[in-house]
Amino acid sequence: MSVILSTAMKSFIPKTIRHRLIISTLLLLTSACGSNSQQETPRTPVVTIHAYQHKNLQTIFTEYDYSWDQLDLGVPPLILKKFPDDLPEIDSVELKKKLFFKSVLPMVLLANEEIKEQRDTLKEIFLYFDQNGVIDARQQEELSAINRQYKIKTDPLLDHKTRQRLLRRVDILPESLVLAQAANESGWGTSRFALQANNIFGEWTFTPGTGLIPADRPEGEIYEVRRFMSLYQSVRSYMRNLNTNSAYLSLRKEREKLRQKSLTVSGLDLSSRLDNYSTRREAYSREIEELIRSNRLEQKVARAYLRSSVSIQEINGTESGTGLFGSMYQLQNRFKSL
């Protein structure tokens, strides 16, 4: 049986990567999705990539026509498993910055996509309940899962203050803010914790043996820097932290106020609410603001968008290796030719 990839399929799978895919597996997936002239253009799949050297990562981005200077052409939904080991060896500051931002931005957009879907689900459930006085089993299951994730213990269906608090938590974070904090906390992806623990934002754990011990940890302290299985897990955990921790209530209230006024929520708007993220307090917030300004992050990410919409199930499946493309569409980038 002859094997031919459709033109549409070729349009979103980079040439070099396409040549290394298992064609039979792709055909099964293509067949399952259907293929006829009336079908919508295939979505770009979420892809987990492994790049062990920064040049490999550059090649992957080139294959996807992904440029930091042309974000208006779209951002491919890529999940980088870990930063390249040789990232600290890059001499060019500009190259290191661009490579770092391009690595983290897709994951920030994907994490925000998850949150948007959750927020839309909540609004639909609340509207349905207000109109019917009851929700079905599926809606209850979804609501319970979101309540657990965002640490809500009272019923948002009956208690409107709880409903407001939940919606205040289930909201996206400006990409410019996330990128600036990621750069600051990880040393542009070169810190020991970023490279060895996939920890981009310096999050701690108080469970001994589950993280890395900081070299300068004071005697008597038990905290460790948390380990993550992937960089994407670190991004999601950071967002959950800002969206649930009482230390960042003022950030969430400021975001809510801007939403109520139908104003754009920017990283600069929220950077002043990060005093509790660091012992440096106001100096830390000013540092994040300066990173946003000096790297023109607001202007850059204002044009950024994922090249195709994705679902929570697809993202989670890719991360776990069980989703639509999770089990086979993993780029093990060990090819010397790259």
C-alpha atoms as a PDB file:
ATOM      1  CA  MET A   1       0.000   0.000   0.000  1.00  0.00           C
ATOM      2  CA  SER A   2       1.506   3.348  -1.021  1.00  0.00           C
ATOM      3  CA  VAL A   3       1.927   6.077   1.581  1.00  0.00           C
ATOM      4  CA  ILE A   4       1.289   9.727   0.745  1.00  0.00           C
ATOM      5  CA  LEU A   5       1.124  12.590   3.244  1.00  0.00           C
ATOM      6  CA  SER A   6      -1.469  15.213   2.367  1.00  0.00           C
ATOM      7  CA  THR A   7      -0.399  18.715   1.400  1.00  0.00           C
ATOM      8  CA  ALA A   8      -2.183  20.020   4.478  1.00  0.00           C
ATOM      9  CA  MET A   9      -0.255  17.606   6.677  1.00  0.00           C
ATOM     10  CA  LYS A  10       3.048  18.700   5.145  1.00  0.00           C
ATOM     11  CA  SER A  11       2.164  22.323   5.719  1.00  0.00           C
ATOM     12  CA  PHE A  12       2.382  22.049   9.477  1.00  0.00           C
ATOM     13  CA  ILE A  13       5.006  19.329   9.992  1.00  0.00           C
ATOM     14  CA  PRO A  14       8.552  20.675   9.398  1.00  0.00           C
ATOM     15  CA  LYS A  15      10.473  18.951   6.654  1.00  0.00           C
ATOM     16  CA  THR A  16      13.374  17.643   8.727  1.00  0.00           C
ATOM     17  CA  ILE A  17      11.094  16.373  11.465  1.00  0.00           C
ATOM     18  CA  ARG A  18       8.652  14.925   8.937  1.00  0.00           C
ATOM     19  CA  HIS A  19      11.357  12.784   7.400  1.00  0.00           C
ATOM     20  CA  ARG A  20      12.017  11.213  10.780  1.00  0.00           C
ATOM     21  CA  LEU A  21       8.416  10.421  11.709  1.00  0.00           C
ATOM     22  CA  ILE A  22       7.023   6.930  11.598  1.00  0.00           C
ATOM     23  CA  ILE A  23       4.842   7.264   8.519  1.00  0.00           C
ATOM     24  CA  SER A  24       2.519   4.401   9.337  1.00  0.00           C
ATOM     25  CA  THR A  25       1.637   5.905  12.713  1.00  0.00           C
ATOM     26  CA  LEU A  26       0.912   9.269  11.157  1.00  0.00           C
ATOM     27  CA  LEU A  27      -1.341   7.633   8.592  1.00  0.00           C
ATOM     28  CA  LEU A  28      -3.358   5.982  11.311  1.00  0.00           C
ATOM     29  CA  LEU A  29      -3.812   9.309  13.054  1.00  0.00           C
ATOM     30  CA  THR A  30      -4.654  11.065   9.815  1.00  0.00           C
ATOM     31  CA  SER A  31      -7.182   8.381   8.951  1.00  0.00           C
ATOM     32  CA  ALA A  32      -8.760   8.638  12.395  1.00  0.00           C
ATOM     33  CA  CYS A  33      -9.171  12.369  12.000  1.00  0.00           C
ATOM     34  CA  GLY A  34     -10.698  11.956   8.550  1.00  0.00           C
ATOM     35  CA  SER A  35      -9.530  13.428   5.270  1.00  0.00           C
ATOM     36  CA  ASN A  36     -11.776  15.052   2.742  1.00  0.00           C
ATOM     37  CA  SER A  37     -12.030  18.336   0.943  1.00  0.00           C
ATOM     38  CA  GLN A  38     -14.645  19.647   3.393  1.00  0.00           C
ATOM     39  CA  GLN A  39     -12.466  19.083   6.450  1.00  0.00           C
ATOM     40  CA  GLU A  40     -10.933  22.036   8.283  1.00  0.00           C
ATOM     41  CA  THR A  41      -7.200  22.629   7.939  1.00  0.00           C
ATOM     42  CA  PRO A  42      -5.447  20.192  10.332  1.00  0.00           C
ATOM     43  CA  ARG A  43      -4.336  21.684  13.608  1.00  0.00           C
ATOM     44  CA  THR A  44      -0.682  21.906  14.532  1.00  0.00           C
ATOM     45  CA  PRO A  45      -0.227  19.209  17.172  1.00  0.00           C
ATOM     46  CA  VAL A  46       1.296  19.902  20.558  1.00  0.00           C
ATOM     47  CA  VAL A  47       4.823  18.533  20.357  1.00  0.00           C
ATOM     48  CA  THR A  48       7.251  17.698  23.149  1.00  0.00           C
ATOM     49  CA  ILE A  49      10.800  18.379  22.003  1.00  0.00           C
ATOM     50  CA  HIS A  50      14.137  17.261  23.425  1.00  0.00           C
ATOM     51  CA  ALA A  51      17.111  19.391  22.396  1.00  0.00           C
ATOM     52  CA  TYR A  52      20.379  18.502  24.060  1.00  0.00           C
ATOM     53  CA  GLN A  53      22.371  21.338  22.523  1.00  0.00           C
ATOM     54  CA  HIS A  54      21.283  24.889  21.776  1.00  0.00           C
ATOM     55  CA  LYS A  55      22.112  24.498  18.075  1.00  0.00           C
ATOM     56  CA  ASN A  56      19.652  21.607  17.907  1.00  0.00           C
ATOM     57  CA  LEU A  57      16.996  23.852  19.423  1.00  0.00           C
ATOM     58  CA  GLN A  58      17.754  26.617  16.930  1.00  0.00           C
ATOM     59  CA  THR A  59      17.335  24.145  14.074  1.00  0.00           C
ATOM     60  CA  ILE A  60      13.969  22.983  15.390  1.00  0.00           C
ATOM     61  CA  PHE A  61      12.718  26.559  15.616  1.00  0.00           C
ATOM     62  CA  THR A  62      13.948  27.250  12.089  1.00  0.00           C
ATOM     63  CA  GLU A  63      12.106  24.182  10.794  1.00  0.00           C
ATOM     64  CA  TYR A  64       8.912  25.603  12.306  1.00  0.00           C
ATOM     65  CA  ASP A  65       9.586  29.063  10.827  1.00  0.00           C
ATOM     66  CA  TYR A  66       9.465  30.337  14.393  1.00  0.00           C
ATOM     67  CA  SER A  67      11.160  33.699  14.842  1.00  0.00           C
ATOM     68  CA  TRP A  68      11.230  36.003  17.868  1.00  0.00           C
ATOM     69  CA  ASP A  69      11.058  38.945  15.468  1.00  0.00           C
ATOM     70  CA  GLN A  70       8.005  37.584  13.641  1.00  0.00           C
ATOM     71  CA  LEU A  71       5.640  36.444  16.364  1.00  0.00           C
ATOM     72  CA  ASP A  72       2.756  37.792  14.296  1.00  0.00           C
ATOM     73  CA  LEU A  73       3.248  34.673  12.127  1.00  0.00           C
ATOM     74  CA  GLY A  74       2.244  32.544  15.088  1.00  0.00           C
ATOM     75  CA  VAL A  75       3.942  30.457  17.769  1.00  0.00           C
ATOM     76  CA  PRO A  76       4.110  26.670  17.316  1.00  0.00           C
ATOM     77  CA  PRO A  77       2.716  24.715  20.315  1.00  0.00           C
ATOM     78  CA  LEU A  78       6.019  23.237  21.460  1.00  0.00           C
ATOM     79  CA  ILE A  79       6.784  21.879  24.927  1.00  0.00           C
ATOM     80  CA  LEU A  80      10.520  21.845  25.630  1.00  0.00           C
ATOM     81  CA  LYS A  81      11.254  19.003  28.034  1.00  0.00           C
ATOM     82  CA  LYS A  82      14.386  20.638  29.447  1.00  0.00           C
ATOM     83  CA  PHE A  83      16.791  23.420  28.550  1.00  0.00           C
ATOM     84  CA  PRO A  84      19.841  22.440  26.463  1.00  0.00           C
ATOM     85  CA  ASP A  85      22.798  21.570  28.686  1.00  0.00           C
ATOM     86  CA  ASP A  86      25.071  23.976  26.861  1.00  0.00           C
ATOM     87  CA  LEU A  87      22.809  27.026  27.217  1.00  0.00           C
ATOM     88  CA  PRO A  88      25.268  28.664  29.662  1.00  0.00           C
ATOM     89  CA  GLU A  89      28.010  28.392  27.030  1.00  0.00           C
ATOM     90  CA  ILE A  90      26.334  30.753  24.555  1.00  0.00           C
ATOM     91  CA  ASP A  91      28.533  33.844  24.309  1.00  0.00           C
ATOM     92  CA  SER A  92      26.069  36.115  22.534  1.00  0.00           C
ATOM     93  CA  VAL A  93      23.732  37.744  25.052  1.00  0.00           C
ATOM     94  CA  GLU A  94      21.201  38.534  22.310  1.00  0.00           C
ATOM     95  CA  LEU A  95      21.161  34.947  21.047  1.00  0.00           C
ATOM     96  CA  LYS A  96      20.799  33.565  24.569  1.00  0.00           C
ATOM     97  CA  LYS A  97      17.874  35.891  25.305  1.00  0.00           C
ATOM     98  CA  LYS A  98      16.019  35.132  22.083  1.00  0.00           C
ATOM     99  CA  LEU A  99      16.522  31.392  22.445  1.00  0.00           C
ATOM    100  CA  PHE A 100      15.283  31.532  26.032  1.00  0.00           C
ATOM    101  CA  PHE A 101      12.191  33.599  25.220  1.00  0.00           C
ATOM    102  CA  LYS A 102      11.350  31.401  22.219  1.00  0.00           C
ATOM    103  CA  SER A 103      11.696  28.293  24.383  1.00  0.00           C
ATOM    104  CA  VAL A 104       9.415  29.509  27.169  1.00  0.00           C
ATOM    105  CA  LEU A 105       6.787  31.494  25.234  1.00  0.00           C
ATOM    106  CA  PRO A 106       4.981  28.495  23.649  1.00  0.00           C
ATOM    107  CA  MET A 107       4.598  26.895  27.075  1.00  0.00           C
ATOM    108  CA  VAL A 108       3.241  30.120  28.562  1.00  0.00           C
ATOM    109  CA  LEU A 109       0.676  30.367  25.770  1.00  0.00           C
ATOM    110  CA  LEU A 110      -0.290  26.714  26.231  1.00  0.00           C
ATOM    111  CA  ALA A 111      -0.681  27.131  29.998  1.00  0.00           C
ATOM    112  CA  ASN A 112      -2.841  30.206  29.446  1.00  0.00           C
ATOM    113  CA  GLU A 113      -4.878  28.213  26.924  1.00  0.00           C
ATOM    114  CA  GLU A 114      -5.595  25.666  29.647  1.00  0.00           C
ATOM    115  CA  ILE A 115      -6.704  28.410  32.021  1.00  0.00           C
ATOM    116  CA  LYS A 116      -8.907  30.048  29.372  1.00  0.00           C
ATOM    117  CA  GLU A 117     -10.653  26.736  28.775  1.00  0.00           C
ATOM    118  CA  GLN A 118     -11.227  26.283  32.495  1.00  0.00           C
ATOM    119  CA  ARG A 119     -12.586  29.824  32.818  1.00  0.00           C
ATOM    120  CA  ASP A 120     -14.965  29.307  29.893  1.00  0.00           C
ATOM    121  CA  THR A 121     -16.123  26.027  31.453  1.00  0.00           C
ATOM    122  CA  LEU A 122     -16.855  27.792  34.748  1.00  0.00           C
ATOM    123  CA  LYS A 123     -18.868  30.524  33.058  1.00  0.00           C
ATOM    124  CA  GLU A 124     -20.905  27.945  31.161  1.00  0.00           C
ATOM    125  CA  ILE A 125     -21.583  25.963  34.339  1.00  0.00           C
ATOM    126  CA  PHE A 126     -22.588  29.060  36.309  1.00  0.00           C
ATOM    127  CA  LEU A 127     -24.898  30.231  33.517  1.00  0.00           C
ATOM    128  CA  TYR A 128     -26.492  26.794  33.233  1.00  0.00           C
ATOM    129  CA  PHE A 129     -27.024  26.598  36.993  1.00  0.00           C
ATOM    130  CA  ASP A 130     -28.499  30.109  37.184  1.00  0.00           C
ATOM    131  CA  GLN A 131     -30.960  29.219  34.429  1.00  0.00           C
ATOM    132  CA  ASN A 132     -31.853  25.693  35.562  1.00  0.00           C
ATOM    133  CA  GLY A 133     -31.074  25.508  39.262  1.00  0.00           C
ATOM    134  CA  VAL A 134     -29.088  22.299  38.779  1.00  0.00           C
ATOM    135  CA  ILE A 135     -26.069  20.963  36.857  1.00  0.00           C
ATOM    136  CA  ASP A 136     -25.463  17.499  35.426  1.00  0.00           C
ATOM    137  CA  ALA A 137     -22.924  14.915  36.598  1.00  0.00           C
ATOM    138  CA  ARG A 138     -20.326  15.874  34.003  1.00  0.00           C
ATOM    139  CA  GLN A 139     -20.519  19.550  34.939  1.00  0.00           C
ATOM    140  CA  GLN A 140     -20.259  18.678  38.626  1.00  0.00           C
ATOM    141  CA  GLU A 141     -17.158  16.614  37.968  1.00  0.00           C
ATOM    142  CA  GLU A 142     -15.559  19.459  36.022  1.00  0.00           C
ATOM    143  CA  LEU A 143     -16.452  21.995  38.701  1.00  0.00           C
ATOM    144  CA  SER A 144     -15.087  19.804  41.485  1.00  0.00           C
ATOM    145  CA  ALA A 145     -11.797  19.318  39.639  1.00  0.00           C
ATOM    146  CA  ILE A 146     -11.362  23.074  39.120  1.00  0.00           C
ATOM    147  CA  ASN A 147     -12.270  23.759  42.763  1.00  0.00           C
ATOM    148  CA  ARG A 148      -9.575  21.338  43.924  1.00  0.00           C
ATOM    149  CA  GLN A 149      -6.942  22.777  41.599  1.00  0.00           C
ATOM    150  CA  TYR A 150      -7.639  26.348  42.698  1.00  0.00           C
ATOM    151  CA  LYS A 151      -8.084  25.504  46.410  1.00  0.00           C
ATOM    152  CA  ILE A 152     -11.762  26.411  46.719  1.00  0.00           C
ATOM    153  CA  LYS A 153     -13.594  24.574  49.505  1.00  0.00           C
ATOM    154  CA  THR A 154     -17.042  26.205  49.530  1.00  0.00           C
ATOM    155  CA  ASP A 155     -19.723  25.859  46.847  1.00  0.00           C
ATOM    156  CA  PRO A 156     -19.431  28.514  44.107  1.00  0.00           C
ATOM    157  CA  LEU A 157     -22.873  27.608  42.802  1.00  0.00           C
ATOM    158  CA  LEU A 158     -24.681  28.771  45.923  1.00  0.00           C
ATOM    159  CA  ASP A 159     -22.198  31.234  47.386  1.00  0.00           C
ATOM    160  CA  HIS A 160     -21.610  34.162  45.021  1.00  0.00           C
ATOM    161  CA  LYS A 161     -18.599  35.421  46.979  1.00  0.00           C
ATOM    162  CA  THR A 162     -16.980  32.033  46.430  1.00  0.00           C
ATOM    163  CA  ARG A 163     -17.913  32.227  42.767  1.00  0.00           C
ATOM    164  CA  GLN A 164     -16.237  35.622  42.482  1.00  0.00           C
ATOM    165  CA  ARG A 165     -13.142  34.339  44.298  1.00  0.00           C
ATOM    166  CA  LEU A 166     -12.908  31.327  41.981  1.00  0.00           C
ATOM    167  CA  LEU A 167     -13.199  33.429  38.817  1.00  0.00           C
ATOM    168  CA  ARG A 168     -10.603  35.790  40.250  1.00  0.00           C
ATOM    169  CA  ARG A 169      -8.227  32.846  40.488  1.00  0.00           C
ATOM    170  CA  VAL A 170      -9.012  31.112  37.210  1.00  0.00           C
ATOM    171  CA  ASP A 171      -7.560  33.723  34.891  1.00  0.00           C
ATOM    172  CA  ILE A 172      -4.559  34.018  32.610  1.00  0.00           C
ATOM    173  CA  LEU A 173      -1.298  35.792  33.385  1.00  0.00           C
ATOM    174  CA  PRO A 174       0.281  38.274  30.953  1.00  0.00           C
ATOM    175  CA  GLU A 175       2.927  36.530  28.863  1.00  0.00           C
ATOM    176  CA  SER A 176       5.304  39.469  29.318  1.00  0.00           C
ATOM    177  CA  LEU A 177       5.177  39.091  33.104  1.00  0.00           C
ATOM    178  CA  VAL A 178       5.779  35.338  32.978  1.00  0.00           C
ATOM    179  CA  LEU A 179       8.714  35.687  30.578  1.00  0.00           C
ATOM    180  CA  ALA A 180      10.334  38.419  32.678  1.00  0.00           C
ATOM    181  CA  GLN A 181      10.047  36.403  35.887  1.00  0.00           C
ATOM    182  CA  ALA A 182      11.271  33.269  34.135  1.00  0.00           C
ATOM    183  CA  ALA A 183      14.370  35.099  32.890  1.00  0.00           C
ATOM    184  CA  ASN A 184      15.025  36.653  36.276  1.00  0.00           C
ATOM    185  CA  GLU A 185      14.516  33.535  38.369  1.00  0.00           C
ATOM    186  CA  SER A 186      16.381  31.109  36.098  1.00  0.00           C
ATOM    187  CA  GLY A 187      19.262  33.299  34.905  1.00  0.00           C
ATOM    188  CA  TRP A 188      17.963  32.986  31.342  1.00  0.00           C
ATOM    189  CA  GLY A 189      17.668  29.234  31.740  1.00  0.00           C
ATOM    190  CA  THR A 190      21.260  28.748  32.900  1.00  0.00           C
ATOM    191  CA  SER A 191      20.826  28.349  36.665  1.00  0.00           C
ATOM    192  CA  ARG A 192      21.581  25.062  38.381  1.00  0.00           C
ATOM    193  CA  PHE A 193      17.931  24.704  39.329  1.00  0.00           C
ATOM    194  CA  ALA A 194      16.686  25.355  35.795  1.00  0.00           C
ATOM    195  CA  LEU A 195      19.108  22.875  34.243  1.00  0.00           C
ATOM    196  CA  GLN A 196      19.029  20.126  36.879  1.00  0.00           C
ATOM    197  CA  ALA A 197      15.494  20.425  38.260  1.00  0.00           C
ATOM    198  CA  ASN A 198      13.512  22.036  35.390  1.00  0.00           C
ATOM    199  CA  ASN A 199      12.619  24.729  37.943  1.00  0.00           C
ATOM    200  CA  ILE A 200      12.277  28.024  36.078  1.00  0.00           C
ATOM    201  CA  PHE A 201      10.718  30.154  38.817  1.00  0.00           C
ATOM    202  CA  GLY A 202      12.638  29.162  41.944  1.00  0.00           C
ATOM    203  CA  GLU A 203       9.719  27.438  43.648  1.00  0.00           C
ATOM    204  CA  TRP A 204      10.445  25.720  46.951  1.00  0.00           C
ATOM    205  CA  THR A 205       9.339  22.466  48.517  1.00  0.00           C
ATOM    206  CA  PHE A 206       9.379  21.603  52.210  1.00  0.00           C
ATOM    207  CA  THR A 207       9.369  17.841  51.703  1.00  0.00           C
ATOM    208  CA  PRO A 208      12.961  16.671  52.337  1.00  0.00           C
ATOM    209  CA  GLY A 209      14.559  14.734  49.500  1.00  0.00           C
ATOM    210  CA  THR A 210      12.205  15.941  46.771  1.00  0.00           C
ATOM    211  CA  GLY A 211      14.279  18.843  45.491  1.00  0.00           C
ATOM    212  CA  LEU A 212      17.747  20.342  45.218  1.00  0.00           C
ATOM    213  CA  ILE A 213      19.394  21.878  48.285  1.00  0.00           C
ATOM    214  CA  PRO A 214      20.586  25.455  47.644  1.00  0.00           C
ATOM    215  CA  ALA A 215      24.273  25.921  48.348  1.00  0.00           C
ATOM    216  CA  ASP A 216      23.559  29.017  50.447  1.00  0.00           C
ATOM    217  CA  ARG A 217      20.672  27.561  52.469  1.00  0.00           C
ATOM    218  CA  PRO A 218      20.968  28.735  56.098  1.00  0.00           C
ATOM    219  CA  GLU A 219      21.662  26.118  58.741  1.00  0.00           C
ATOM    220  CA  GLY A 220      18.495  24.732  60.274  1.00  0.00           C
ATOM    221  CA  GLU A 221      16.316  25.389  57.212  1.00  0.00           C
ATOM    222  CA  ILE A 222      14.687  22.415  55.475  1.00  0.00           C
ATOM    223  CA  TYR A 223      13.419  23.957  52.242  1.00  0.00           C
ATOM    224  CA  GLU A 224      14.645  22.658  48.910  1.00  0.00           C
ATOM    225  CA  VAL A 225      14.220  23.902  45.364  1.00  0.00           C
ATOM    226  CA  ARG A 226      11.481  21.799  43.830  1.00  0.00           C
ATOM    227  CA  ARG A 227      12.136  19.326  41.003  1.00  0.00           C
ATOM    228  CA  PHE A 228       9.819  19.155  37.997  1.00  0.00           C
ATOM    229  CA  MET A 229       9.552  16.409  35.396  1.00  0.00           C
ATOM    230  CA  SER A 230       9.461  19.037  32.641  1.00  0.00           C
ATOM    231  CA  LEU A 231       9.708  22.759  32.101  1.00  0.00           C
ATOM    232  CA  TYR A 232       6.006  22.885  31.314  1.00  0.00           C
ATOM    233  CA  GLN A 233       5.176  21.506  34.747  1.00  0.00           C
ATOM    234  CA  SER A 234       7.206  24.356  36.213  1.00  0.00           C
ATOM    235  CA  VAL A 235       5.246  26.925  34.185  1.00  0.00           C
ATOM    236  CA  ARG A 236       1.915  25.475  35.277  1.00  0.00           C
ATOM    237  CA  SER A 237       2.957  25.289  38.927  1.00  0.00           C
ATOM    238  CA  TYR A 238       4.109  28.921  38.874  1.00  0.00           C
ATOM    239  CA  MET A 239       0.794  30.054  37.398  1.00  0.00           C
ATOM    240  CA  ARG A 240      -1.137  28.061  39.987  1.00  0.00           C
ATOM    241  CA  ASN A 241       0.997  29.660  42.698  1.00  0.00           C
ATOM    242  CA  LEU A 242       0.225  33.214  41.554  1.00  0.00           C
ATOM    243  CA  ASN A 243      -3.431  32.330  41.055  1.00  0.00           C
ATOM    244  CA  THR A 244      -4.013  30.716  44.458  1.00  0.00           C
ATOM    245  CA  ASN A 245      -1.428  31.853  47.006  1.00  0.00           C
ATOM    246  CA  SER A 246      -2.697  34.515  49.427  1.00  0.00           C
ATOM    247  CA  ALA A 247       0.602  36.382  48.975  1.00  0.00           C
ATOM    248  CA  TYR A 248      -0.559  37.418  45.490  1.00  0.00           C
ATOM    249  CA  LEU A 249      -4.138  38.398  46.298  1.00  0.00           C
ATOM    250  CA  SER A 250      -3.412  42.024  45.398  1.00  0.00           C
ATOM    251  CA  LEU A 251      -2.179  40.894  41.956  1.00  0.00           C
ATOM    252  CA  ARG A 252      -5.388  38.966  41.372  1.00  0.00           C
ATOM    253  CA  LYS A 253      -7.550  41.868  42.534  1.00  0.00           C
ATOM    254  CA  GLU A 254      -5.718  44.281  40.247  1.00  0.00           C
ATOM    255  CA  ARG A 255      -6.226  41.905  37.328  1.00  0.00           C
ATOM    256  CA  GLU A 256      -9.906  41.564  38.219  1.00  0.00           C
ATOM    257  CA  LYS A 257     -10.326  45.354  38.398  1.00  0.00           C
ATOM    258  CA  LEU A 258      -8.816  45.776  34.938  1.00  0.00           C
ATOM    259  CA  ARG A 259     -11.056  43.010  33.582  1.00  0.00           C
ATOM    260  CA  GLN A 260     -14.167  44.699  34.993  1.00  0.00           C
ATOM    261  CA  LYS A 261     -13.165  47.892  33.181  1.00  0.00           C
ATOM    262  CA  SER A 262     -12.629  45.919  29.936  1.00  0.00           C
ATOM    263  CA  LEU A 263      -8.971  46.975  29.925  1.00  0.00           C
ATOM    264  CA  THR A 264      -6.034  44.900  28.725  1.00  0.00           C
ATOM    265  CA  VAL A 265      -4.149  43.274  31.585  1.00  0.00           C
ATOM    266  CA  SER A 266      -0.448  43.842  30.964  1.00  0.00           C
ATOM    267  CA  GLY A 267       2.682  42.622  32.662  1.00  0.00           C
ATOM    268  CA  LEU A 268       3.555  46.170  33.627  1.00  0.00           C
ATOM    269  CA  ASP A 269       0.169  46.506  35.341  1.00  0.00           C
ATOM    270  CA  LEU A 270       0.831  43.500  37.556  1.00  0.00           C
ATOM    271  CA  SER A 271       4.601  43.677  38.087  1.00  0.00           C
ATOM    272  CA  SER A 272       4.193  46.075  41.015  1.00  0.00           C
ATOM    273  CA  ARG A 273       2.166  43.382  42.817  1.00  0.00           C
ATOM    274  CA  LEU A 274       5.071  40.933  43.078  1.00  0.00           C
ATOM    275  CA  ASP A 275       6.674  42.300  46.239  1.00  0.00           C
ATOM    276  CA  ASN A 276       5.933  39.073  48.104  1.00  0.00           C
ATOM    277  CA  TYR A 277       7.703  36.924  45.527  1.00  0.00           C
ATOM    278  CA  SER A 278      11.129  37.886  46.821  1.00  0.00           C
ATOM    279  CA  THR A 279      12.744  39.088  50.018  1.00  0.00           C
ATOM    280  CA  ARG A 280      13.925  42.045  47.954  1.00  0.00           C
ATOM    281  CA  ARG A 281      10.309  43.219  47.878  1.00  0.00           C
ATOM    282  CA  GLU A 282       9.888  46.488  45.918  1.00  0.00           C
ATOM    283  CA  ALA A 283      13.345  46.164  44.368  1.00  0.00           C
ATOM    284  CA  TYR A 284      12.316  42.815  42.906  1.00  0.00           C
ATOM    285  CA  SER A 285       9.117  44.233  41.417  1.00  0.00           C
ATOM    286  CA  ARG A 286      11.077  47.081  39.841  1.00  0.00           C
ATOM    287  CA  GLU A 287      13.556  44.572  38.428  1.00  0.00           C
ATOM    288  CA  ILE A 288      10.749  42.616  36.738  1.00  0.00           C
ATOM    289  CA  GLU A 289       9.290  45.850  35.371  1.00  0.00           C
ATOM    290  CA  GLU A 290      12.684  46.817  33.961  1.00  0.00           C
ATOM    291  CA  LEU A 291      13.071  43.414  32.299  1.00  0.00           C
ATOM    292  CA  ILE A 292       9.703  43.881  30.616  1.00  0.00           C
ATOM    293  CA  ARG A 293      10.613  47.374  29.425  1.00  0.00           C
ATOM    294  CA  SER A 294      14.219  46.768  28.355  1.00  0.00           C
ATOM    295  CA  ASN A 295      13.287  43.676  26.332  1.00  0.00           C
ATOM    296  CA  ARG A 296      10.129  45.296  24.925  1.00  0.00           C
ATOM    297  CA  LEU A 297       8.156  42.261  26.018  1.00  0.00           C
ATOM    298  CA  GLU A 298       4.774  43.985  25.990  1.00  0.00           C
ATOM    299  CA  GLN A 299       5.217  44.987  22.360  1.00  0.00           C
ATOM    300  CA  LYS A 300       6.634  41.600  21.384  1.00  0.00           C
ATOM    301  CA  VAL A 301       4.023  39.310  22.894  1.00  0.00           C
ATOM    302  CA  ALA A 302       1.121  41.568  21.933  1.00  0.00           C
ATOM    303  CA  ARG A 303       1.382  39.978  18.466  1.00  0.00           C
ATOM    304  CA  ALA A 304       1.996  36.422  19.650  1.00  0.00           C
ATOM    305  CA  TYR A 305      -0.586  33.673  19.290  1.00  0.00           C
ATOM    306  CA  LEU A 306      -0.591  29.885  19.095  1.00  0.00           C
ATOM    307  CA  ARG A 307      -0.841  28.727  15.505  1.00  0.00           C
ATOM    308  CA  SER A 308      -3.788  26.545  16.410  1.00  0.00           C
ATOM    309  CA  SER A 309      -6.107  26.133  19.339  1.00  0.00           C
ATOM    310  CA  VAL A 310      -5.527  23.157  21.608  1.00  0.00           C
ATOM    311  CA  SER A 311      -7.522  21.490  24.365  1.00  0.00           C
ATOM    312  CA  ILE A 312      -6.589  20.716  27.947  1.00  0.00           C
ATOM    313  CA  GLN A 313      -6.846  17.021  27.138  1.00  0.00           C
ATOM    314  CA  GLU A 314      -4.403  17.347  24.253  1.00  0.00           C
ATOM    315  CA  ILE A 315      -1.871  19.304  26.311  1.00  0.00           C
ATOM    316  CA  ASN A 316      -2.108  16.917  29.261  1.00  0.00           C
ATOM    317  CA  GLY A 317      -1.937  13.919  26.965  1.00  0.00           C
ATOM    318  CA  THR A 318       1.207  15.206  25.306  1.00  0.00           C
ATOM    319  CA  GLU A 319       2.835  15.812  28.683  1.00  0.00           C
ATOM    320  CA  SER A 320       1.964  12.343  29.941  1.00  0.00           C
ATOM    321  CA  GLY A 321       2.677  10.601  26.643  1.00  0.00           C
ATOM    322  CA  THR A 322      -0.910   9.411  26.245  1.00  0.00           C
ATOM    323  CA  GLY A 323      -2.572  12.119  24.169  1.00  0.00           C
ATOM    324  CA  LEU A 324      -3.233  12.328  20.443  1.00  0.00           C
ATOM    325  CA  PHE A 325       0.418  12.857  19.604  1.00  0.00           C
ATOM    326  CA  GLY A 326       1.873  12.163  23.037  1.00  0.00           C
ATOM    327  CA  SER A 327       3.089   8.603  22.537  1.00  0.00           C
ATOM    328  CA  MET A 328       5.016   9.003  19.291  1.00  0.00           C
ATOM    329  CA  TYR A 329       5.418  12.615  18.317  1.00  0.00           C
ATOM    330  CA  GLN A 330       8.444  13.155  20.531  1.00  0.00           C
ATOM    331  CA  LEU A 331      11.444  14.714  18.848  1.00  0.00           C
ATOM    332  CA  GLN A 332      14.461  12.947  20.288  1.00  0.00           C
ATOM    333  CA  ASN A 333      16.923  15.452  18.922  1.00  0.00           C
ATOM    334  CA  ARG A 334      20.183  13.530  18.988  1.00  0.00           C
ATOM    335  CA  PHE A 335      20.916  13.816  15.275  1.00  0.00           C
ATOM    336  CA  LYS A 336      24.415  15.135  14.619  1.00  0.00           C
ATOM    337  CA  SER A 337      23.199  16.435  11.257  1.00  0.00           C
ATOM    338  CA  LEU A 338      21.181  19.030  13.161  1.00  0.00           C
END
